[in-house]
Amino acid sequence: MFEDICGPKKWRAEMYPVYKDPFAGHDYPTSGQGDEESNRLNYAFEMERSACALFGVVTYGIHMTVFVKDLDGDKVKIWVPTRAKTKQT
């Protein structure tokens, strides 16, 4: 129904955690926690990342490039991360 947002070509097969308060800690439930313990967590639920826009959930991603100098201080090495080829963006 919403192919331009989360249709088959947009589906990422990537679950995205949604938190009750986006500015609080990003915790995650562990197995063995009871309902009372889980209710105290900031974690609310997970949903398919491509469907988040349909529900007004803002998604974020981070990218970090690092540079280091060698031991002599003459050369700089740059570490550039790459996204998995199986991921859409």
PDB file of N, CA and C in Angstrom:
ATOM      1  N   MET A   1       0.806  -1.192   0.000  1.00  0.00           N
ATOM      2  CA  MET A   1       0.000   0.000   0.000  1.00  0.00           C
ATOM      3  C   MET A   1       0.858   1.269   0.000  1.00  0.00           C
ATOM      4  N   PHE A   2       2.001   1.239   0.672  1.00  0.00           N
ATOM      5  CA  PHE A   2       2.896   2.397   0.732  1.00  0.00           C
ATOM      6  C   PHE A   2       4.242   2.024   0.118  1.00  0.00           C
ATOM      7  N   GLU A   3       4.220   1.626  -1.130  1.00  0.00           N
ATOM      8  CA  GLU A   3       5.436   1.115  -1.774  1.00  0.00           C
ATOM      9  C   GLU A   3       6.583   2.113  -1.771  1.00  0.00           C
ATOM     10  N   ASP A   4       6.280   3.411  -1.883  1.00  0.00           N
ATOM     11  CA  ASP A   4       7.354   4.402  -1.928  1.00  0.00           C
ATOM     12  C   ASP A   4       8.060   4.551  -0.583  1.00  0.00           C
ATOM     13  N   ILE A   5       7.406   4.127   0.499  1.00  0.00           N
ATOM     14  CA  ILE A   5       8.002   4.246   1.835  1.00  0.00           C
ATOM     15  C   ILE A   5       8.556   2.911   2.328  1.00  0.00           C
ATOM     16  N   CYS A   6       7.737   1.877   2.288  1.00  0.00           N
ATOM     17  CA  CYS A   6       8.209   0.595   2.845  1.00  0.00           C
ATOM     18  C   CYS A   6       7.820  -0.591   1.967  1.00  0.00           C
ATOM     19  N   GLY A   7       7.761  -0.374   0.670  1.00  0.00           N
ATOM     20  CA  GLY A   7       7.456  -1.467  -0.241  1.00  0.00           C
ATOM     21  C   GLY A   7       8.588  -2.466  -0.325  1.00  0.00           C
ATOM     22  N   PRO A   8       8.434  -3.488  -1.151  1.00  0.00           N
ATOM     23  CA  PRO A   8       9.440  -4.559  -1.239  1.00  0.00           C
ATOM     24  C   PRO A   8      10.855  -4.066  -1.530  1.00  0.00           C
ATOM     25  N   LYS A   9      10.987  -3.017  -2.316  1.00  0.00           N
ATOM     26  CA  LYS A   9      12.330  -2.519  -2.632  1.00  0.00           C
ATOM     27  C   LYS A   9      12.907  -1.659  -1.501  1.00  0.00           C
ATOM     28  N   LYS A  10      12.072  -1.222  -0.586  1.00  0.00           N
ATOM     29  CA  LYS A  10      12.529  -0.392   0.525  1.00  0.00           C
ATOM     30  C   LYS A  10      12.734  -1.185   1.816  1.00  0.00           C
ATOM     31  N   TRP A  11      12.199  -2.396   1.856  1.00  0.00           N
ATOM     32  CA  TRP A  11      12.258  -3.207   3.066  1.00  0.00           C
ATOM     33  C   TRP A  11      13.703  -3.498   3.414  1.00  0.00           C
ATOM     34  N   ARG A  12      14.111  -3.276   4.636  1.00  0.00           N
ATOM     35  CA  ARG A  12      15.500  -3.416   5.031  1.00  0.00           C
ATOM     36  C   ARG A  12      15.798  -4.688   5.812  1.00  0.00           C
ATOM     37  N   ALA A  13      14.767  -5.335   6.338  1.00  0.00           N
ATOM     38  CA  ALA A  13      14.967  -6.478   7.237  1.00  0.00           C
ATOM     39  C   ALA A  13      15.882  -6.051   8.385  1.00  0.00           C
ATOM     40  N   GLU A  14      15.615  -4.859   8.919  1.00  0.00           N
ATOM     41  CA  GLU A  14      16.427  -4.279   9.982  1.00  0.00           C
ATOM     42  C   GLU A  14      15.487  -3.750  11.064  1.00  0.00           C
ATOM     43  N   MET A  15      15.489  -4.402  12.210  1.00  0.00           N
ATOM     44  CA  MET A  15      14.628  -3.966  13.298  1.00  0.00           C
ATOM     45  C   MET A  15      15.243  -2.752  13.993  1.00  0.00           C
ATOM     46  N   TYR A  16      14.378  -1.776  14.285  1.00  0.00           N
ATOM     47  CA  TYR A  16      14.828  -0.515  14.869  1.00  0.00           C
ATOM     48  C   TYR A  16      14.183  -0.352  16.242  1.00  0.00           C
ATOM     49  N   PRO A  17      14.980  -0.155  17.302  1.00  0.00           N
ATOM     50  CA  PRO A  17      14.389   0.005  18.637  1.00  0.00           C
ATOM     51  C   PRO A  17      13.737   1.372  18.785  1.00  0.00           C
ATOM     52  N   VAL A  18      12.584   1.409  19.432  1.00  0.00           N
ATOM     53  CA  VAL A  18      11.867   2.653  19.701  1.00  0.00           C
ATOM     54  C   VAL A  18      11.843   2.827  21.217  1.00  0.00           C
ATOM     55  N   TYR A  19      12.172   4.028  21.670  1.00  0.00           N
ATOM     56  CA  TYR A  19      12.260   4.315  23.092  1.00  0.00           C
ATOM     57  C   TYR A  19      11.162   5.273  23.533  1.00  0.00           C
ATOM     58  N   LYS A  20      10.748   5.162  24.786  1.00  0.00           N
ATOM     59  CA  LYS A  20       9.697   6.026  25.328  1.00  0.00           C
ATOM     60  C   LYS A  20      10.162   7.475  25.368  1.00  0.00           C
ATOM     61  N   ASP A  21      11.404   7.686  25.779  1.00  0.00           N
ATOM     62  CA  ASP A  21      11.998   9.020  25.834  1.00  0.00           C
ATOM     63  C   ASP A  21      13.292   8.978  25.032  1.00  0.00           C
ATOM     64  N   PRO A  22      13.326   9.642  23.873  1.00  0.00           N
ATOM     65  CA  PRO A  22      14.523   9.549  23.023  1.00  0.00           C
ATOM     66  C   PRO A  22      15.764  10.178  23.637  1.00  0.00           C
ATOM     67  N   PHE A  23      15.591  11.003  24.669  1.00  0.00           N
ATOM     68  CA  PHE A  23      16.734  11.672  25.282  1.00  0.00           C
ATOM     69  C   PHE A  23      17.233  10.953  26.534  1.00  0.00           C
ATOM     70  N   ALA A  24      16.546   9.906  26.935  1.00  0.00           N
ATOM     71  CA  ALA A  24      16.965   9.123  28.102  1.00  0.00           C
ATOM     72  C   ALA A  24      17.867   7.977  27.643  1.00  0.00           C
ATOM     73  N   GLY A  25      18.258   7.149  28.580  1.00  0.00           N
ATOM     74  CA  GLY A  25      19.141   6.032  28.269  1.00  0.00           C
ATOM     75  C   GLY A  25      18.525   5.052  27.287  1.00  0.00           C
ATOM     76  N   HIS A  26      19.343   4.463  26.463  1.00  0.00           N
ATOM     77  CA  HIS A  26      18.882   3.488  25.480  1.00  0.00           C
ATOM     78  C   HIS A  26      19.178   2.094  26.009  1.00  0.00           C
ATOM     79  N   ASP A  27      18.266   1.604  26.830  1.00  0.00           N
ATOM     80  CA  ASP A  27      18.409   0.275  27.396  1.00  0.00           C
ATOM     81  C   ASP A  27      17.666  -0.737  26.533  1.00  0.00           C
ATOM     82  N   TYR A  28      17.807  -1.984  26.879  1.00  0.00           N
ATOM     83  CA  TYR A  28      17.211  -3.048  26.074  1.00  0.00           C
ATOM     84  C   TYR A  28      16.868  -4.203  27.005  1.00  0.00           C
ATOM     85  N   PRO A  29      15.697  -4.798  26.858  1.00  0.00           N
ATOM     86  CA  PRO A  29      15.336  -5.894  27.763  1.00  0.00           C
ATOM     87  C   PRO A  29      16.227  -7.118  27.550  1.00  0.00           C
ATOM     88  N   THR A  30      16.445  -7.830  28.634  1.00  0.00           N
ATOM     89  CA  THR A  30      17.209  -9.070  28.563  1.00  0.00           C
ATOM     90  C   THR A  30      16.292 -10.223  28.924  1.00  0.00           C
ATOM     91  N   SER A  31      16.662 -11.395  28.485  1.00  0.00           N
ATOM     92  CA  SER A  31      15.836 -12.557  28.813  1.00  0.00           C
ATOM     93  C   SER A  31      15.874 -12.784  30.321  1.00  0.00           C
ATOM     94  N   GLY A  32      14.776 -13.191  30.851  1.00  0.00           N
ATOM     95  CA  GLY A  32      14.689 -13.445  32.278  1.00  0.00           C
ATOM     96  C   GLY A  32      14.140 -12.277  33.077  1.00  0.00           C
ATOM     97  N   GLN A  33      13.944 -11.116  32.423  1.00  0.00           N
ATOM     98  CA  GLN A  33      13.363  -9.981  33.135  1.00  0.00           C
ATOM     99  C   GLN A  33      11.856 -10.174  33.247  1.00  0.00           C
ATOM    100  N   GLY A  34      11.322  -9.827  34.399  1.00  0.00           N
ATOM    101  CA  GLY A  34       9.880  -9.898  34.585  1.00  0.00           C
ATOM    102  C   GLY A  34       9.187  -8.671  34.004  1.00  0.00           C
ATOM    103  N   ASP A  35       7.864  -8.684  33.982  1.00  0.00           N
ATOM    104  CA  ASP A  35       7.098  -7.566  33.438  1.00  0.00           C
ATOM    105  C   ASP A  35       7.374  -6.269  34.199  1.00  0.00           C
ATOM    106  N   GLU A  36       7.488  -6.369  35.511  1.00  0.00           N
ATOM    107  CA  GLU A  36       7.718  -5.170  36.321  1.00  0.00           C
ATOM    108  C   GLU A  36       9.065  -4.538  35.981  1.00  0.00           C
ATOM    109  N   GLU A  37      10.091  -5.354  35.812  1.00  0.00           N
ATOM    110  CA  GLU A  37      11.419  -4.842  35.436  1.00  0.00           C
ATOM    111  C   GLU A  37      11.390  -4.253  34.036  1.00  0.00           C
ATOM    112  N   SER A  38      10.722  -4.919  33.107  1.00  0.00           N
ATOM    113  CA  SER A  38      10.649  -4.440  31.723  1.00  0.00           C
ATOM    114  C   SER A  38       9.916  -3.109  31.633  1.00  0.00           C
ATOM    115  N   ASN A  39       8.910  -2.899  32.468  1.00  0.00           N
ATOM    116  CA  ASN A  39       8.153  -1.643  32.451  1.00  0.00           C
ATOM    117  C   ASN A  39       8.989  -0.454  32.898  1.00  0.00           C
ATOM    118  N   ARG A  40      10.033  -0.688  33.658  1.00  0.00           N
ATOM    119  CA  ARG A  40      10.897   0.404  34.115  1.00  0.00           C
ATOM    120  C   ARG A  40      11.909   0.820  33.043  1.00  0.00           C
ATOM    121  N   LEU A  41      12.059   0.031  32.009  1.00  0.00           N
ATOM    122  CA  LEU A  41      13.015   0.349  30.944  1.00  0.00           C
ATOM    123  C   LEU A  41      12.497   1.484  30.071  1.00  0.00           C
ATOM    124  N   ASN A  42      13.417   2.194  29.448  1.00  0.00           N
ATOM    125  CA  ASN A  42      13.050   3.229  28.489  1.00  0.00           C
ATOM    126  C   ASN A  42      12.650   2.606  27.150  1.00  0.00           C
ATOM    127  N   TYR A  43      13.115   1.400  26.883  1.00  0.00           N
ATOM    128  CA  TYR A  43      12.803   0.666  25.643  1.00  0.00           C
ATOM    129  C   TYR A  43      11.295   0.422  25.565  1.00  0.00           C
ATOM    130  N   ALA A  44      10.696   0.719  24.397  1.00  0.00           N
ATOM    131  CA  ALA A  44       9.254   0.493  24.208  1.00  0.00           C
ATOM    132  C   ALA A  44       9.002  -0.739  23.342  1.00  0.00           C
ATOM    133  N   PHE A  45       9.557  -0.760  22.127  1.00  0.00           N
ATOM    134  CA  PHE A  45       9.356  -1.876  21.202  1.00  0.00           C
ATOM    135  C   PHE A  45      10.298  -1.728  20.015  1.00  0.00           C
ATOM    136  N   GLU A  46      10.277  -2.697  19.112  1.00  0.00           N
ATOM    137  CA  GLU A  46      11.045  -2.645  17.861  1.00  0.00           C
ATOM    138  C   GLU A  46      10.082  -2.676  16.693  1.00  0.00           C
ATOM    139  N   MET A  47      10.497  -2.065  15.602  1.00  0.00           N
ATOM    140  CA  MET A  47       9.704  -2.159  14.376  1.00  0.00           C
ATOM    141  C   MET A  47      10.642  -2.132  13.173  1.00  0.00           C
ATOM    142  N   GLU A  48      10.160  -2.587  12.043  1.00  0.00           N
ATOM    143  CA  GLU A  48      10.944  -2.577  10.808  1.00  0.00           C
ATOM    144  C   GLU A  48      11.343  -1.138  10.493  1.00  0.00           C
ATOM    145  N   ARG A  49      12.630  -0.925  10.266  1.00  0.00           N
ATOM    146  CA  ARG A  49      13.160   0.429  10.063  1.00  0.00           C
ATOM    147  C   ARG A  49      12.456   1.176   8.924  1.00  0.00           C
ATOM    148  N   SER A  50      12.153   0.499   7.845  1.00  0.00           N
ATOM    149  CA  SER A  50      11.534   1.194   6.710  1.00  0.00           C
ATOM    150  C   SER A  50      10.100   1.621   7.008  1.00  0.00           C
ATOM    151  N   ALA A  51       9.442   1.016   7.978  1.00  0.00           N
ATOM    152  CA  ALA A  51       8.070   1.379   8.327  1.00  0.00           C
ATOM    153  C   ALA A  51       8.006   2.504   9.353  1.00  0.00           C
ATOM    154  N   CYS A  52       9.128   2.887   9.926  1.00  0.00           N
ATOM    155  CA  CYS A  52       9.138   3.907  10.978  1.00  0.00           C
ATOM    156  C   CYS A  52       8.506   5.225  10.518  1.00  0.00           C
ATOM    157  N   ALA A  53       8.779   5.647   9.303  1.00  0.00           N
ATOM    158  CA  ALA A  53       8.244   6.925   8.811  1.00  0.00           C
ATOM    159  C   ALA A  53       6.712   6.922   8.775  1.00  0.00           C
ATOM    160  N   LEU A  54       6.104   5.781   8.534  1.00  0.00           N
ATOM    161  CA  LEU A  54       4.646   5.706   8.502  1.00  0.00           C
ATOM    162  C   LEU A  54       4.027   6.032   9.856  1.00  0.00           C
ATOM    163  N   PHE A  55       4.773   5.799  10.925  1.00  0.00           N
ATOM    164  CA  PHE A  55       4.256   5.993  12.275  1.00  0.00           C
ATOM    165  C   PHE A  55       4.872   7.217  12.962  1.00  0.00           C
ATOM    166  N   GLY A  56       5.608   8.014  12.212  1.00  0.00           N
ATOM    167  CA  GLY A  56       6.199   9.224  12.780  1.00  0.00           C
ATOM    168  C   GLY A  56       7.406   8.983  13.656  1.00  0.00           C
ATOM    169  N   VAL A  57       8.021   7.820  13.534  1.00  0.00           N
ATOM    170  CA  VAL A  57       9.210   7.510  14.325  1.00  0.00           C
ATOM    171  C   VAL A  57      10.437   7.994  13.545  1.00  0.00           C
ATOM    172  N   VAL A  58      11.190   8.893  14.147  1.00  0.00           N
ATOM    173  CA  VAL A  58      12.395   9.421  13.507  1.00  0.00           C
ATOM    174  C   VAL A  58      13.527   8.429  13.717  1.00  0.00           C
ATOM    175  N   THR A  59      14.225   8.079  12.648  1.00  0.00           N
ATOM    176  CA  THR A  59      15.346   7.149  12.756  1.00  0.00           C
ATOM    177  C   THR A  59      16.659   7.906  12.608  1.00  0.00           C
ATOM    178  N   TYR A  60      17.657   7.405  13.286  1.00  0.00           N
ATOM    179  CA  TYR A  60      18.980   8.008  13.234  1.00  0.00           C
ATOM    180  C   TYR A  60      20.000   6.944  12.914  1.00  0.00           C
ATOM    181  N   GLY A  61      21.066   7.373  12.303  1.00  0.00           N
ATOM    182  CA  GLY A  61      22.206   6.501  12.071  1.00  0.00           C
ATOM    183  C   GLY A  61      23.455   7.313  12.347  1.00  0.00           C
ATOM    184  N   ILE A  62      24.531   6.651  12.614  1.00  0.00           N
ATOM    185  CA  ILE A  62      25.772   7.376  12.870  1.00  0.00           C
ATOM    186  C   ILE A  62      26.851   6.874  11.917  1.00  0.00           C
ATOM    187  N   HIS A  63      27.794   7.714  11.668  1.00  0.00           N
ATOM    188  CA  HIS A  63      28.921   7.381  10.804  1.00  0.00           C
ATOM    189  C   HIS A  63      30.148   8.010  11.443  1.00  0.00           C
ATOM    190  N   MET A  64      31.196   7.248  11.546  1.00  0.00           N
ATOM    191  CA  MET A  64      32.397   7.774  12.168  1.00  0.00           C
ATOM    192  C   MET A  64      33.603   7.458  11.293  1.00  0.00           C
ATOM    193  N   THR A  65      34.376   8.490  10.996  1.00  0.00           N
ATOM    194  CA  THR A  65      35.636   8.334  10.288  1.00  0.00           C
ATOM    195  C   THR A  65      36.735   8.716  11.267  1.00  0.00           C
ATOM    196  N   VAL A  66      37.783   7.910  11.338  1.00  0.00           N
ATOM    197  CA  VAL A  66      38.842   8.111  12.325  1.00  0.00           C
ATOM    198  C   VAL A  66      40.170   8.300  11.612  1.00  0.00           C
ATOM    199  N   PHE A  67      40.972   9.204  12.144  1.00  0.00           N
ATOM    200  CA  PHE A  67      42.333   9.303  11.630  1.00  0.00           C
ATOM    201  C   PHE A  67      43.305   9.152  12.790  1.00  0.00           C
ATOM    202  N   VAL A  68      44.424   8.504  12.504  1.00  0.00           N
ATOM    203  CA  VAL A  68      45.470   8.301  13.504  1.00  0.00           C
ATOM    204  C   VAL A  68      46.821   8.593  12.859  1.00  0.00           C
ATOM    205  N   LYS A  69      47.720   9.096  13.667  1.00  0.00           N
ATOM    206  CA  LYS A  69      49.087   9.311  13.188  1.00  0.00           C
ATOM    207  C   LYS A  69      49.906   8.071  13.512  1.00  0.00           C
ATOM    208  N   ASP A  70      50.870   7.760  12.642  1.00  0.00           N
ATOM    209  CA  ASP A  70      51.735   6.630  12.939  1.00  0.00           C
ATOM    210  C   ASP A  70      52.680   7.008  14.085  1.00  0.00           C
ATOM    211  N   LEU A  71      53.460   6.067  14.555  1.00  0.00           N
ATOM    212  CA  LEU A  71      54.317   6.308  15.721  1.00  0.00           C
ATOM    213  C   LEU A  71      55.346   7.414  15.491  1.00  0.00           C
ATOM    214  N   ASP A  72      55.798   7.576  14.261  1.00  0.00           N
ATOM    215  CA  ASP A  72      56.769   8.634  13.952  1.00  0.00           C
ATOM    216  C   ASP A  72      56.094   9.996  13.831  1.00  0.00           C
ATOM    217  N   GLY A  73      54.793  10.003  13.614  1.00  0.00           N
ATOM    218  CA  GLY A  73      54.072  11.266  13.445  1.00  0.00           C
ATOM    219  C   GLY A  73      54.176  11.833  12.043  1.00  0.00           C
ATOM    220  N   ASP A  74      54.737  11.033  11.108  1.00  0.00           N
ATOM    221  CA  ASP A  74      54.914  11.515   9.739  1.00  0.00           C
ATOM    222  C   ASP A  74      53.695  11.262   8.859  1.00  0.00           C
ATOM    223  N   LYS A  75      53.003  10.169   9.109  1.00  0.00           N
ATOM    224  CA  LYS A  75      51.897   9.778   8.236  1.00  0.00           C
ATOM    225  C   LYS A  75      50.591   9.735   9.023  1.00  0.00           C
ATOM    226  N   VAL A  76      49.511   9.953   8.299  1.00  0.00           N
ATOM    227  CA  VAL A  76      48.177   9.866   8.884  1.00  0.00           C
ATOM    228  C   VAL A  76      47.433   8.733   8.192  1.00  0.00           C
ATOM    229  N   LYS A  77      46.812   7.893   8.963  1.00  0.00           N
ATOM    230  CA  LYS A  77      45.990   6.820   8.412  1.00  0.00           C
ATOM    231  C   LYS A  77      44.528   7.154   8.677  1.00  0.00           C
ATOM    232  N   ILE A  78      43.685   6.913   7.695  1.00  0.00           N
ATOM    233  CA  ILE A  78      42.260   7.194   7.829  1.00  0.00           C
ATOM    234  C   ILE A  78      41.494   5.883   7.754  1.00  0.00           C
ATOM    235  N   TRP A  79      40.646   5.648   8.741  1.00  0.00           N
ATOM    236  CA  TRP A  79      39.782   4.476   8.773  1.00  0.00           C
ATOM    237  C   TRP A  79      38.416   4.913   8.295  1.00  0.00           C
ATOM    238  N   VAL A  80      37.961   4.349   7.191  1.00  0.00           N
ATOM    239  CA  VAL A  80      36.657   4.706   6.629  1.00  0.00           C
ATOM    240  C   VAL A  80      35.752   3.474   6.699  1.00  0.00           C
ATOM    241  N   PRO A  81      34.703   3.526   7.508  1.00  0.00           N
ATOM    242  CA  PRO A  81      33.808   2.371   7.609  1.00  0.00           C
ATOM    243  C   PRO A  81      32.932   2.245   6.369  1.00  0.00           C
ATOM    244  N   THR A  82      32.523   1.038   6.089  1.00  0.00           N
ATOM    245  CA  THR A  82      31.606   0.811   4.964  1.00  0.00           C
ATOM    246  C   THR A  82      30.373   0.072   5.468  1.00  0.00           C
ATOM    247  N   ARG A  83      29.263   0.360   4.852  1.00  0.00           N
ATOM    248  CA  ARG A  83      28.000  -0.281   5.214  1.00  0.00           C
ATOM    249  C   ARG A  83      27.977  -1.661   4.555  1.00  0.00           C
ATOM    250  N   ALA A  84      27.346  -2.600   5.187  1.00  0.00           N
ATOM    251  CA  ALA A  84      27.232  -3.943   4.633  1.00  0.00           C
ATOM    252  C   ALA A  84      26.548  -3.889   3.263  1.00  0.00           C
ATOM    253  N   LYS A  85      27.015  -4.667   2.336  1.00  0.00           N
ATOM    254  CA  LYS A  85      26.428  -4.661   0.984  1.00  0.00           C
ATOM    255  C   LYS A  85      24.991  -5.137   0.965  1.00  0.00           C
ATOM    256  N   THR A  86      24.588  -5.824   2.022  1.00  0.00           N
ATOM    257  CA  THR A  86      23.206  -6.319   2.075  1.00  0.00           C
ATOM    258  C   THR A  86      22.216  -5.260   2.562  1.00  0.00           C
ATOM    259  N   LYS A  87      22.727  -4.116   3.030  1.00  0.00           N
ATOM    260  CA  LYS A  87      21.864  -3.043   3.536  1.00  0.00           C
ATOM    261  C   LYS A  87      21.622  -2.016   2.432  1.00  0.00           C
ATOM    262  N   GLN A  88      20.420  -1.438   2.435  1.00  0.00           N
ATOM    263  CA  GLN A  88      20.032  -0.539   1.364  1.00  0.00           C
ATOM    264  C   GLN A  88      20.754   0.807   1.416  1.00  0.00           C
ATOM    265  N   THR A  89      20.882   1.372   2.604  1.00  0.00           N
ATOM    266  CA  THR A  89      21.564   2.667   2.706  1.00  0.00           C
ATOM    267  C   THR A  89      22.649   2.591   3.756  1.00  0.00           C
TER     268      THR A  89
END
